[in-house]
Amino acid sequence: MHEWALAEGVISTASRVAAEEGLEEITEIVVMVGELQQVDREALLFALEQQRTPNMMKTRFRIDPIPARMRCRVCGEEWNFKREALDNDEAEAVHFLPEIAHAFIECPNCGSPDFEVTEGRGIWLASVRGVRMAG
């Protein structure tokens, strides 16, 4: 389950940020997840909750999706990715190897498979909020 590894990275990075910022307790962690990552939100949330550190016992985890957007290199059309347009095998292939999307997705305007993903990839820590140490 790659959500567990993603959660490990989030927890580790949030802990480092908290130490650098002098946060005694972390109250909120916001994670941005690109739609093309096809992360199971509930599995990621579970993994984050299971890996809490002592200064995260009251942390609220927020996972915000970033919709995928494409732009055709031929005609310039921009469109939102629709996962429903892919069957399960295609969606699974795109999940594990996003670069293969060109084999399954085409421009809705001109039909070209030559497009770029402009948004909706990656996962990152957007913010860490907490209570500063006294002193």
Protein backbone atom coordinates (compact mmCIF):
# COMPACT_ATOMS: atom_id res chain seq x y z
CA MET A 1 0.00 0.00 0.00
CA HIS A 2 1.83 3.11 -1.18
CA GLU A 3 -0.39 5.32 1.00
CA TRP A 4 1.56 4.04 4.02
CA ALA A 5 4.86 5.19 2.50
CA LEU A 6 3.31 8.53 1.53
CA ALA A 7 2.10 8.99 5.10
CA GLU A 8 5.60 8.22 6.42
CA GLY A 9 6.97 11.01 4.25
CA VAL A 10 4.28 13.46 5.37
CA ILE A 11 4.78 12.68 9.06
CA SER A 12 8.56 12.92 8.77
CA THR A 13 8.44 16.23 6.89
CA ALA A 14 5.81 17.70 9.22
CA SER A 15 7.94 16.72 12.22
CA ARG A 16 10.98 18.43 10.70
CA VAL A 17 8.94 21.58 9.92
CA ALA A 18 7.55 21.62 13.47
CA ALA A 19 11.06 21.39 14.94
CA GLU A 20 12.35 24.18 12.66
CA GLU A 21 9.37 26.40 13.53
CA GLY A 22 9.52 25.69 17.27
CA LEU A 23 6.09 24.03 17.38
CA GLU A 24 5.47 22.06 20.54
CA GLU A 25 2.24 20.56 19.30
CA ILE A 26 0.98 20.17 15.72
CA THR A 27 -2.70 21.03 15.39
CA GLU A 28 -3.21 20.69 11.62
CA ILE A 29 -1.43 19.14 8.65
CA VAL A 30 -2.68 19.89 5.14
CA VAL A 31 -1.65 17.56 2.33
CA MET A 32 -2.30 18.31 -1.36
CA VAL A 33 -2.79 15.26 -3.58
CA GLY A 34 -2.85 15.40 -7.36
CA GLU A 35 -5.74 13.49 -8.90
CA LEU A 36 -3.43 11.54 -11.20
CA GLN A 37 -1.69 10.07 -8.16
CA GLN A 38 -4.96 8.21 -7.56
CA VAL A 39 -4.24 8.02 -3.85
CA ASP A 40 -6.92 6.32 -1.79
CA ARG A 41 -7.87 9.22 0.49
CA GLU A 42 -9.25 7.03 3.27
CA ALA A 43 -6.18 4.75 3.23
CA LEU A 44 -3.87 7.78 3.40
CA LEU A 45 -5.87 9.29 6.25
CA PHE A 46 -5.76 5.98 8.13
CA ALA A 47 -2.00 5.69 7.59
CA LEU A 48 -1.46 9.27 8.82
CA GLU A 49 -3.51 8.64 11.94
CA GLN A 50 -1.66 5.39 12.68
CA GLN A 51 1.75 7.05 12.37
CA ARG A 52 1.07 10.04 14.63
CA THR A 53 3.98 11.11 16.77
CA PRO A 54 3.50 12.25 20.40
CA ASN A 55 3.23 15.93 19.34
CA MET A 56 0.47 15.01 16.83
CA MET A 57 -2.07 13.37 19.13
CA LYS A 58 -4.64 16.13 18.50
CA THR A 59 -3.62 16.84 14.90
CA ARG A 60 -6.36 17.31 12.33
CA PHE A 61 -5.25 15.90 8.97
CA ARG A 62 -6.72 17.52 5.87
CA ILE A 63 -6.24 16.01 2.43
CA ASP A 64 -7.09 18.37 -0.43
CA PRO A 65 -7.34 17.05 -3.99
CA ILE A 66 -5.84 18.89 -6.95
CA PRO A 67 -7.88 18.16 -10.11
CA ALA A 68 -5.91 17.06 -13.15
CA ARG A 69 -5.80 19.46 -16.10
CA MET A 70 -4.43 18.78 -19.55
CA ARG A 71 -3.39 21.02 -22.45
CA CYS A 72 -3.15 19.82 -26.03
CA ARG A 73 0.17 20.59 -27.69
CA VAL A 74 -1.49 20.52 -31.12
CA CYS A 75 -4.54 22.79 -30.79
CA GLY A 76 -4.06 24.36 -27.34
CA GLU A 77 -7.32 22.98 -25.89
CA GLU A 78 -7.37 22.72 -22.09
CA TRP A 79 -9.56 20.24 -20.25
CA ASN A 80 -10.09 18.50 -16.95
CA PHE A 81 -9.12 14.85 -16.66
CA LYS A 82 -12.10 12.55 -16.19
CA ARG A 83 -11.12 9.30 -14.48
CA GLU A 84 -14.54 7.91 -15.41
CA ALA A 85 -13.48 8.06 -19.07
CA LEU A 86 -10.98 5.27 -18.41
CA ASP A 87 -11.83 1.65 -17.70
CA ASN A 88 -10.32 0.01 -14.61
CA ASP A 89 -7.30 -1.47 -16.43
CA GLU A 90 -6.48 1.87 -18.08
CA ALA A 91 -6.89 3.77 -14.81
CA GLU A 92 -4.61 1.28 -13.06
CA ALA A 93 -1.98 1.66 -15.79
CA VAL A 94 -2.09 5.47 -15.51
CA HIS A 95 -1.86 5.18 -11.73
CA PHE A 96 1.37 3.18 -11.81
CA LEU A 97 2.90 4.87 -14.85
CA PRO A 98 1.32 8.30 -15.44
CA GLU A 99 3.39 8.80 -18.60
CA ILE A 100 1.32 6.05 -20.27
CA ALA A 101 -1.76 8.31 -20.10
CA HIS A 102 -1.05 9.34 -23.70
CA ALA A 103 -2.04 5.84 -24.81
CA PHE A 104 -5.52 6.19 -23.28
CA ILE A 105 -6.36 9.91 -23.26
CA GLU A 106 -6.75 12.24 -26.20
CA CYS A 107 -7.68 15.86 -26.74
CA PRO A 108 -11.47 16.25 -26.71
CA ASN A 109 -11.17 18.93 -29.41
CA CYS A 110 -8.81 17.47 -32.04
CA GLY A 111 -8.26 13.87 -30.86
CA SER A 112 -4.49 14.21 -30.51
CA PRO A 113 -2.72 12.14 -27.83
CA ASP A 114 -0.01 14.86 -27.67
CA PHE A 115 -0.83 16.78 -24.48
CA GLU A 116 0.82 17.88 -21.28
CA VAL A 117 -0.43 17.52 -17.74
CA THR A 118 -0.56 21.07 -16.34
CA GLU A 119 -2.02 20.25 -12.90
CA GLY A 120 -2.91 17.21 -10.81
CA ARG A 121 0.34 15.36 -10.31
CA GLY A 122 2.29 14.86 -7.14
CA ILE A 123 1.65 14.97 -3.43
CA TRP A 124 3.03 17.60 -1.10
CA LEU A 125 2.79 19.01 2.37
CA ALA A 126 0.93 22.32 2.02
CA SER A 127 0.99 23.48 5.63
CA VAL A 128 1.77 22.59 9.21
CA ARG A 129 0.08 24.53 11.99
CA GLY A 130 0.64 24.24 15.67
CA VAL A 131 1.35 25.71 19.07
CA ARG A 132 4.74 27.32 19.62
CA MET A 133 6.91 26.42 22.57
CA ALA A 134 6.79 28.88 25.43
CA GLY A 135 9.83 31.05 25.89
